[in-house]
Amino acid sequence: MQKPSLALGEPLIQESRRGAGCTGKTLIFLPLLLMGCALFWCNNGEDSQQPATSLWSTATQAAQPTRAWQSMQSMLPARNWQTMQPARTNWQSQAAQMMNRDTRMRGEEYGASSTSFYTKTEKQDSYDDLNVVLDAKCKDAKLRTVIVEMLDAVADITEALRSALVTVEGSQNTFGDQQLSVDVIADEIMWNKAKTSKVVAYGASEEEPEVKACNPDGEYTICWDPLDGSSIVDNNWAVGTMIGVWGSKSGSGKDGLIGATGRDQVTSLVALYGPRTTVLVALDDGVYEFSYGCTPEGCQLADGTWAPWICSRNKITISEECKIFAPANLRATKELEGYKKLVEYYMQNKYTLRYSGGLVPDVYQQFTKQQGVFSTPTSAASRMYWRTRATTM
């Protein structure tokens, strides 16, 4: 049986699975652009031990007798205090019941404290900047150049998203989608970077999936979705950019793209625009995350400034087991009995639902949480926009 390619982001997934022992268990569709629908089996993650703090425990701590209660007791006449004593005893009993309930709920993985999967990332004394990491973890000088150029584009898109309003542009892309102002801005930034690059030979965008020549002396063909999440960006939710990089001679066509697969990529980048801008990058020995514009203590440069990009996570792996799921296209459960049973299995086994409706944040969390599963099957009545053609090895 032929195995479908992973399209954009495959180097990220392959590097994350390396060393994690990830085996094929759970169906993940990554509908990435241009070079192939991704059909990816991987059940990720491991149970997290969460802080023993919840609304219940906070409430019960607040319910304990305090000096204020003792002061009120001293001000009350003796007979009134005697009449209030049973109420106080009842209050203490209720507080104890709440604490017991909180303990039971934590043990059964209920409540925010045991299902939110808070970060385990600890603060470091210092963080390496982009150049330090690339010099050590990316031996190809030209590949380092294209990574830096793409991160420059991501930084420009970040600044544009902070200042641009989300409005209808009055045009449609090749697939008939209504273009938003931010779509057009992000795509222009990507094209400007590709056309002025010293190492990019060809480029193609999801907004206009036509491979165009950039630099005749270039080494790479790059493809991108400039802003994934157009349907949720007006809510100010997290959105992202996906970039795949191939050698310009990977495929059979003159642009190096026709016939190329996801496995032919030399690297890929997935940028997430949220409260912070972070980017996952596949390097020689694994997946690294870089954060833009962060100013952690200990990272100030000699001239008093900060490096624009710092390495916030390194050699990210995804575990085999998980307790987080992101089920897209739930309408399909009405027609697909298997998908319905899968979702019911997650619910019955108390998996945590984390789904935003944006492909980038919903897949990205598998790298930050180091676990999780994303699914988006289709049915005859619940179709998806497959903007790619399936490629096989």
Protein backbone atom coordinates (compact mmCIF):
# COMPACT_ATOMS: atom_id res chain seq x y z
CA MET A 1 0.00 0.00 0.00
CA GLN A 2 1.37 3.39 -0.97
CA LYS A 3 1.89 5.88 1.82
CA PRO A 4 0.64 9.45 1.29
CA SER A 5 3.18 12.19 1.80
CA LEU A 6 2.96 14.68 4.63
CA ALA A 7 3.23 17.80 2.48
CA LEU A 8 4.23 21.01 4.23
CA GLY A 9 5.49 20.53 7.73
CA GLU A 10 6.63 16.96 7.17
CA PRO A 11 10.21 17.70 8.25
CA LEU A 12 8.75 19.13 11.47
CA ILE A 13 6.72 16.01 12.13
CA GLN A 14 9.48 13.62 11.14
CA GLU A 15 12.02 15.35 13.37
CA SER A 16 9.57 15.54 16.27
CA ARG A 17 8.82 11.86 16.01
CA ARG A 18 12.51 10.98 15.85
CA GLY A 19 13.59 9.82 19.28
CA ALA A 20 10.03 9.82 20.58
CA GLY A 21 9.26 6.36 19.27
CA CYS A 22 5.99 7.52 17.74
CA THR A 23 4.05 4.73 16.12
CA GLY A 24 1.11 4.89 13.74
CA LYS A 25 -2.05 4.92 15.80
CA THR A 26 -4.28 7.89 15.26
CA LEU A 27 -5.42 9.45 11.99
CA ILE A 28 -4.30 13.03 11.43
CA PHE A 29 -5.16 14.94 8.31
CA LEU A 30 -2.98 17.97 7.59
CA PRO A 31 -4.65 19.74 4.65
CA LEU A 32 -1.56 21.69 3.72
CA LEU A 33 -1.16 23.49 0.45
CA LEU A 34 0.10 22.64 -2.98
CA MET A 35 2.05 19.43 -2.55
CA GLY A 36 -0.30 16.92 -1.01
CA CYS A 37 -3.02 16.15 1.49
CA ALA A 38 -1.32 14.84 4.58
CA LEU A 39 -2.50 11.55 5.99
CA PHE A 40 -0.57 11.09 9.18
CA TRP A 41 -1.04 8.50 11.90
CA CYS A 42 0.40 9.51 15.19
CA ASN A 43 -1.03 9.28 18.69
CA ASN A 44 1.00 11.73 20.71
CA GLY A 45 1.54 12.73 24.27
CA GLU A 46 1.63 11.63 27.84
CA ASP A 47 -0.46 12.43 30.85
CA SER A 48 0.60 15.58 32.63
CA GLN A 49 0.75 16.00 36.38
CA GLN A 50 -0.91 19.32 36.96
CA PRO A 51 -0.76 21.73 39.91
CA ALA A 52 -3.23 20.76 42.63
CA THR A 53 -5.05 24.07 42.29
CA SER A 54 -8.55 24.65 40.98
CA LEU A 55 -11.58 26.85 41.51
CA TRP A 56 -12.73 24.37 44.12
CA SER A 57 -9.52 24.45 46.12
CA THR A 58 -9.36 28.25 45.85
CA ALA A 59 -12.91 28.53 47.09
CA THR A 60 -12.35 26.17 50.00
CA GLN A 61 -9.20 27.99 51.06
CA ALA A 62 -11.18 31.22 51.16
CA ALA A 63 -13.81 29.50 53.28
CA GLN A 64 -11.46 28.72 56.19
CA PRO A 65 -12.02 30.63 59.51
CA THR A 66 -9.95 33.80 59.58
CA ARG A 67 -9.09 36.60 61.98
CA ALA A 68 -12.05 38.48 60.57
CA TRP A 69 -14.34 35.70 61.76
CA GLN A 70 -12.63 35.69 65.19
CA SER A 71 -13.00 39.46 65.44
CA MET A 72 -16.69 39.20 64.58
CA GLN A 73 -17.08 36.48 67.22
CA SER A 74 -15.57 38.73 69.91
CA MET A 75 -17.98 41.56 69.05
CA LEU A 76 -21.12 39.43 69.27
CA PRO A 77 -23.13 39.00 72.47
CA ALA A 78 -22.72 35.58 73.99
CA ARG A 79 -26.26 34.43 73.14
CA ASN A 80 -25.91 35.50 69.52
CA TRP A 81 -22.58 33.74 69.21
CA GLN A 82 -24.19 30.55 70.51
CA THR A 83 -26.93 30.78 67.90
CA MET A 84 -24.35 31.31 65.15
CA GLN A 85 -22.12 28.43 66.22
CA PRO A 86 -24.16 25.77 64.38
CA ALA A 87 -24.03 27.89 61.23
CA ARG A 88 -20.26 28.11 61.54
CA THR A 89 -20.03 24.36 62.07
CA ASN A 90 -22.22 23.79 59.01
CA TRP A 91 -19.99 26.13 56.99
CA GLN A 92 -16.90 24.18 58.01
CA SER A 93 -18.64 20.93 57.07
CA GLN A 94 -19.53 22.29 53.65
CA ALA A 95 -15.96 23.47 53.15
CA ALA A 96 -14.66 20.00 54.02
CA GLN A 97 -17.11 18.45 51.58
CA MET A 98 -15.93 20.82 48.87
CA MET A 99 -12.30 19.91 49.55
CA ASN A 100 -13.12 16.21 49.37
CA ARG A 101 -14.99 16.77 46.14
CA ASP A 102 -12.03 18.71 44.75
CA THR A 103 -9.69 15.83 45.61
CA ARG A 104 -11.99 13.31 43.96
CA MET A 105 -12.34 15.46 40.85
CA ARG A 106 -8.59 15.86 40.50
CA GLY A 107 -8.12 12.13 40.89
CA GLU A 108 -10.63 11.49 38.10
CA GLU A 109 -9.04 14.14 35.86
CA TYR A 110 -11.89 16.61 36.14
CA GLY A 111 -11.49 20.34 36.65
CA ALA A 112 -9.19 22.89 35.06
CA SER A 113 -6.18 21.94 37.15
CA SER A 114 -5.84 18.46 35.71
CA THR A 115 -7.09 18.91 32.15
CA SER A 116 -5.63 22.25 31.05
CA PHE A 117 -2.12 20.90 30.50
CA TYR A 118 -0.22 23.98 31.59
CA THR A 119 3.25 24.53 30.21
CA LYS A 120 6.15 22.60 31.73
CA THR A 121 8.72 24.93 30.17
CA GLU A 122 10.94 26.42 32.84
CA LYS A 123 12.63 29.79 32.62
CA GLN A 124 16.24 29.66 31.48
CA ASP A 125 19.08 31.88 32.58
CA SER A 126 19.76 32.76 28.94
CA TYR A 127 18.50 31.95 25.45
CA ASP A 128 20.47 31.49 22.26
CA ASP A 129 19.56 33.78 19.41
CA LEU A 130 18.66 32.63 15.91
CA ASN A 131 22.13 32.95 14.41
CA VAL A 132 23.79 30.95 17.18
CA VAL A 133 21.36 28.07 16.73
CA LEU A 134 21.48 28.09 12.92
CA ASP A 135 25.27 28.07 12.90
CA ALA A 136 25.28 25.01 15.14
CA LYS A 137 22.23 23.15 13.85
CA CYS A 138 22.03 23.92 10.12
CA LYS A 139 25.19 23.06 8.24
CA ASP A 140 23.99 24.27 4.82
CA ALA A 141 24.79 27.99 4.49
CA LYS A 142 22.22 28.56 1.73
CA LEU A 143 19.53 26.86 3.78
CA ARG A 144 20.40 29.10 6.71
CA THR A 145 19.89 32.06 4.39
CA VAL A 146 16.42 31.02 3.27
CA ILE A 147 15.37 30.32 6.88
CA VAL A 148 16.48 33.79 7.95
CA GLU A 149 14.65 35.34 4.97
CA MET A 150 11.44 33.51 5.80
CA LEU A 151 11.66 34.55 9.44
CA ASP A 152 12.16 38.15 8.30
CA ALA A 153 8.90 37.81 6.35
CA VAL A 154 7.14 36.37 9.40
CA ALA A 155 8.35 39.34 11.47
CA ASP A 156 6.94 41.74 8.86
CA ILE A 157 3.61 39.89 8.84
CA THR A 158 3.55 40.12 12.65
CA GLU A 159 3.89 43.90 12.53
CA ALA A 160 1.27 44.14 9.76
CA LEU A 161 -1.26 42.11 11.77
CA ARG A 162 -0.79 44.44 14.72
CA SER A 163 -1.68 47.51 12.69
CA ALA A 164 -4.02 46.37 9.89
CA LEU A 165 -7.78 46.12 10.24
CA VAL A 166 -9.47 42.94 9.08
CA THR A 167 -11.68 44.00 6.19
CA VAL A 168 -12.95 42.45 2.97
CA GLU A 169 -10.62 43.28 0.11
CA GLY A 170 -13.24 42.90 -2.62
CA SER A 171 -11.36 40.18 -4.47
CA GLN A 172 -11.18 36.40 -4.50
CA ASN A 173 -8.27 34.02 -4.70
CA THR A 174 -8.01 31.23 -7.25
CA PHE A 175 -10.13 28.92 -5.09
CA GLY A 176 -13.00 31.41 -4.86
CA ASP A 177 -12.32 32.47 -1.27
CA GLN A 178 -13.11 36.06 -0.40
CA GLN A 179 -9.77 37.73 0.30
CA LEU A 180 -9.27 39.82 3.39
CA SER A 181 -6.95 42.78 3.70
CA VAL A 182 -4.60 40.81 5.92
CA ASP A 183 -4.50 37.93 3.40
CA VAL A 184 -3.34 40.27 0.68
CA ILE A 185 -0.80 42.03 2.92
CA ALA A 186 0.72 38.77 4.14
CA ASP A 187 0.93 37.38 0.61
CA GLU A 188 2.61 40.53 -0.70
CA ILE A 189 5.19 40.32 2.07
CA MET A 190 5.96 36.71 1.17
CA TRP A 191 6.24 37.47 -2.55
CA ASN A 192 8.49 40.47 -1.95
CA LYS A 193 10.80 38.33 0.14
CA ALA A 194 10.83 35.51 -2.43
CA LYS A 195 11.49 37.78 -5.40
CA THR A 196 14.34 39.63 -3.70
CA SER A 197 15.94 36.50 -2.24
CA LYS A 198 19.40 35.41 -3.37
CA VAL A 199 18.59 31.73 -2.85
CA VAL A 200 14.92 31.31 -3.90
CA ALA A 201 14.56 30.16 -7.51
CA TYR A 202 10.75 29.70 -7.57
CA GLY A 203 7.79 30.54 -5.40
CA ALA A 204 4.10 29.66 -5.18
CA SER A 205 1.31 30.85 -2.90
CA GLU A 206 -1.98 29.34 -1.80
CA GLU A 207 -3.61 32.62 -2.80
CA GLU A 208 -2.42 32.13 -6.39
CA PRO A 209 -1.03 28.60 -6.81
CA GLU A 210 1.09 29.26 -9.86
CA VAL A 211 4.80 28.59 -9.63
CA LYS A 212 6.66 31.77 -10.53
CA ALA A 213 10.33 32.35 -11.23
CA CYS A 214 12.19 34.47 -8.69
CA ASN A 215 16.00 34.32 -8.89
CA PRO A 216 17.48 32.32 -11.80
CA ASP A 217 20.53 31.61 -9.65
CA GLY A 218 18.43 30.47 -6.71
CA GLU A 219 18.66 27.10 -5.02
CA TYR A 220 15.16 26.54 -3.61
CA THR A 221 11.48 26.41 -4.48
CA ILE A 222 9.25 27.68 -1.69
CA CYS A 223 5.49 27.37 -1.28
CA TRP A 224 3.38 29.02 1.36
CA ASP A 225 -0.01 29.72 2.81
CA PRO A 226 0.48 33.36 3.80
CA LEU A 227 -2.26 33.48 6.42
CA ASP A 228 -4.08 30.32 7.42
CA GLY A 229 -7.19 31.06 9.49
CA SER A 230 -9.01 33.73 7.53
CA SER A 231 -12.35 32.66 9.00
CA ILE A 232 -11.19 33.30 12.58
CA VAL A 233 -8.77 36.20 12.20
CA ASP A 234 -11.59 38.75 12.62
CA ASN A 235 -12.14 37.26 16.10
CA ASN A 236 -8.51 38.11 16.83
CA TRP A 237 -7.78 34.44 17.32
CA ALA A 238 -4.44 32.85 16.58
CA VAL A 239 -3.63 32.36 12.89
CA GLY A 240 -0.49 31.29 11.09
CA THR A 241 1.78 31.00 8.07
CA MET A 242 2.98 27.68 6.62
CA ILE A 243 6.09 27.47 4.45
CA GLY A 244 7.60 24.50 2.66
CA VAL A 245 11.08 24.58 1.14
CA TRP A 246 12.25 22.21 -1.60
CA GLY A 247 15.41 22.02 -3.63
CA SER A 248 14.69 23.62 -7.00
CA LYS A 249 15.48 20.31 -8.71
CA SER A 250 13.46 18.06 -6.40
CA GLY A 251 10.77 17.21 -8.93
CA SER A 252 10.64 16.53 -12.64
CA GLY A 253 9.48 19.99 -13.74
CA LYS A 254 11.78 22.87 -14.49
CA ASP A 255 10.62 24.58 -11.29
CA GLY A 256 11.55 21.56 -9.20
CA LEU A 257 8.02 21.18 -7.82
CA ILE A 258 6.07 18.94 -10.19
CA GLY A 259 6.39 15.42 -8.87
CA ALA A 260 8.11 16.47 -5.65
CA THR A 261 6.68 15.16 -2.39
CA GLY A 262 6.63 16.31 1.18
CA ARG A 263 9.51 13.99 1.93
CA ASP A 264 11.65 15.91 -0.54
CA GLN A 265 11.49 19.07 1.55
CA VAL A 266 14.76 20.37 2.94
CA THR A 267 12.97 22.23 5.72
CA SER A 268 9.61 23.67 6.66
CA LEU A 269 8.41 26.45 8.91
CA VAL A 270 5.10 26.95 10.72
CA ALA A 271 4.52 30.39 12.22
CA LEU A 272 1.86 31.09 14.83
CA TYR A 273 0.60 34.63 15.41
CA GLY A 274 -0.99 34.85 18.85
CA PRO A 275 -0.15 36.91 21.95
CA ARG A 276 3.41 36.13 20.81
CA THR A 277 4.78 35.17 17.41
CA THR A 278 6.51 31.82 17.45
CA VAL A 279 7.85 29.67 14.60
CA LEU A 280 8.64 25.98 14.41
CA VAL A 281 11.63 25.24 12.17
CA ALA A 282 13.00 21.84 11.12
CA LEU A 283 16.80 21.85 11.46
CA ASP A 284 19.43 19.15 11.04
CA ASP A 285 18.82 17.36 14.32
CA GLY A 286 15.24 18.21 15.21
CA VAL A 287 12.50 20.81 15.54
CA TYR A 288 13.28 24.15 17.17
CA GLU A 289 10.94 26.97 18.17
CA PHE A 290 11.93 30.60 17.78
CA SER A 291 10.08 33.50 19.42
CA TYR A 292 9.94 36.98 17.95
CA GLY A 293 10.45 40.21 19.86
CA CYS A 294 10.83 38.63 23.28
CA THR A 295 13.01 40.33 25.88
CA PRO A 296 13.73 37.78 28.60
CA GLU A 297 16.08 38.69 31.39
CA GLY A 298 19.66 37.76 30.57
CA CYS A 299 19.27 38.09 26.79
CA GLN A 300 20.08 41.76 26.38
CA LEU A 301 22.83 42.43 23.86
CA ALA A 302 25.90 44.54 24.60
CA ASP A 303 24.37 47.63 22.98
CA GLY A 304 21.25 47.39 25.15
CA THR A 305 19.01 45.86 22.49
CA TRP A 306 17.62 42.36 22.09
CA ALA A 307 17.98 39.89 19.26
CA PRO A 308 14.78 39.81 17.18
CA TRP A 309 14.56 36.00 17.37
CA ILE A 310 15.51 33.77 20.29
CA CYS A 311 15.32 30.00 20.57
CA SER A 312 12.50 29.32 23.04
CA ARG A 313 12.34 25.51 22.65
CA ASN A 314 14.82 23.04 21.20
CA LYS A 315 14.69 19.50 19.86
CA ILE A 316 10.95 19.18 20.42
CA THR A 317 9.57 15.65 20.49
CA ILE A 318 5.97 14.41 20.40
CA SER A 319 5.05 11.56 22.72
CA GLU A 320 3.21 8.44 21.64
CA GLU A 321 0.35 8.82 24.12
CA CYS A 322 -1.92 11.82 24.46
CA LYS A 323 -4.91 13.24 26.32
CA ILE A 324 -5.61 16.20 24.02
CA PHE A 325 -7.69 16.06 20.85
CA ALA A 326 -8.72 18.61 18.22
CA PRO A 327 -11.58 17.20 16.09
CA ALA A 328 -12.35 19.34 13.06
CA ASN A 329 -15.37 18.95 10.79
CA LEU A 330 -17.54 17.37 13.47
CA ARG A 331 -20.47 17.54 11.05
CA ALA A 332 -18.95 14.49 9.42
CA THR A 333 -19.80 12.38 12.49
CA LYS A 334 -23.39 12.30 11.18
CA GLU A 335 -22.26 10.33 8.12
CA LEU A 336 -19.04 8.67 9.26
CA GLU A 337 -19.74 6.10 11.95
CA GLY A 338 -16.03 5.54 12.52
CA TYR A 339 -15.41 9.22 13.19
CA LYS A 340 -18.39 9.34 15.55
CA LYS A 341 -17.01 6.39 17.51
CA LEU A 342 -13.56 7.99 17.61
CA VAL A 343 -14.93 11.24 19.10
CA GLU A 344 -17.05 9.28 21.57
CA TYR A 345 -13.95 7.33 22.59
CA TYR A 346 -12.10 10.55 23.33
CA MET A 347 -14.99 11.86 25.41
CA GLN A 348 -15.54 8.63 27.32
CA ASN A 349 -11.84 8.45 28.15
CA LYS A 350 -11.82 12.05 29.36
CA TYR A 351 -9.55 13.49 26.68
CA THR A 352 -9.23 17.27 26.77
CA LEU A 353 -10.83 19.09 23.83
CA ARG A 354 -8.60 21.82 22.40
CA TYR A 355 -9.87 23.00 19.03
CA SER A 356 -9.89 26.59 17.73
CA GLY A 357 -10.87 26.13 14.08
CA GLY A 358 -7.44 27.18 12.86
CA LEU A 359 -5.20 24.51 11.36
CA VAL A 360 -1.96 26.12 12.51
CA PRO A 361 -2.80 26.58 16.22
CA ASP A 362 -4.59 23.24 16.39
CA VAL A 363 -1.58 21.37 14.99
CA TYR A 364 1.04 23.64 16.62
CA GLN A 365 -0.17 22.67 20.09
CA GLN A 366 1.08 19.13 19.50
CA PHE A 367 4.60 20.57 19.54
CA THR A 368 4.18 22.91 22.52
CA LYS A 369 2.26 20.35 24.60
CA GLN A 370 4.33 17.54 23.09
CA GLN A 371 1.18 15.50 22.62
CA GLY A 372 -2.20 15.60 20.91
CA VAL A 373 -4.14 14.53 17.85
CA PHE A 374 -5.76 16.61 15.10
CA SER A 375 -8.34 15.09 12.75
CA THR A 376 -10.43 16.41 9.88
CA PRO A 377 -12.09 13.68 7.81
CA THR A 378 -14.59 14.39 5.07
CA SER A 379 -17.88 12.89 3.98
CA ALA A 380 -20.16 13.35 1.00
CA ALA A 381 -22.32 15.83 2.91
CA SER A 382 -19.49 17.50 4.84
CA ARG A 383 -16.80 18.29 2.35
CA MET A 384 -13.58 20.13 3.04
CA TYR A 385 -11.63 22.45 0.78
CA TRP A 386 -8.91 20.13 -0.47
CA ARG A 387 -6.67 22.51 -2.34
CA THR A 388 -4.02 19.95 -2.93
CA ARG A 389 -3.53 16.88 -4.98
CA ALA A 390 -2.60 13.68 -3.21
CA THR A 391 0.95 12.55 -3.75
CA THR A 392 2.28 9.12 -3.00
CA MET A 393 5.70 7.60 -2.62
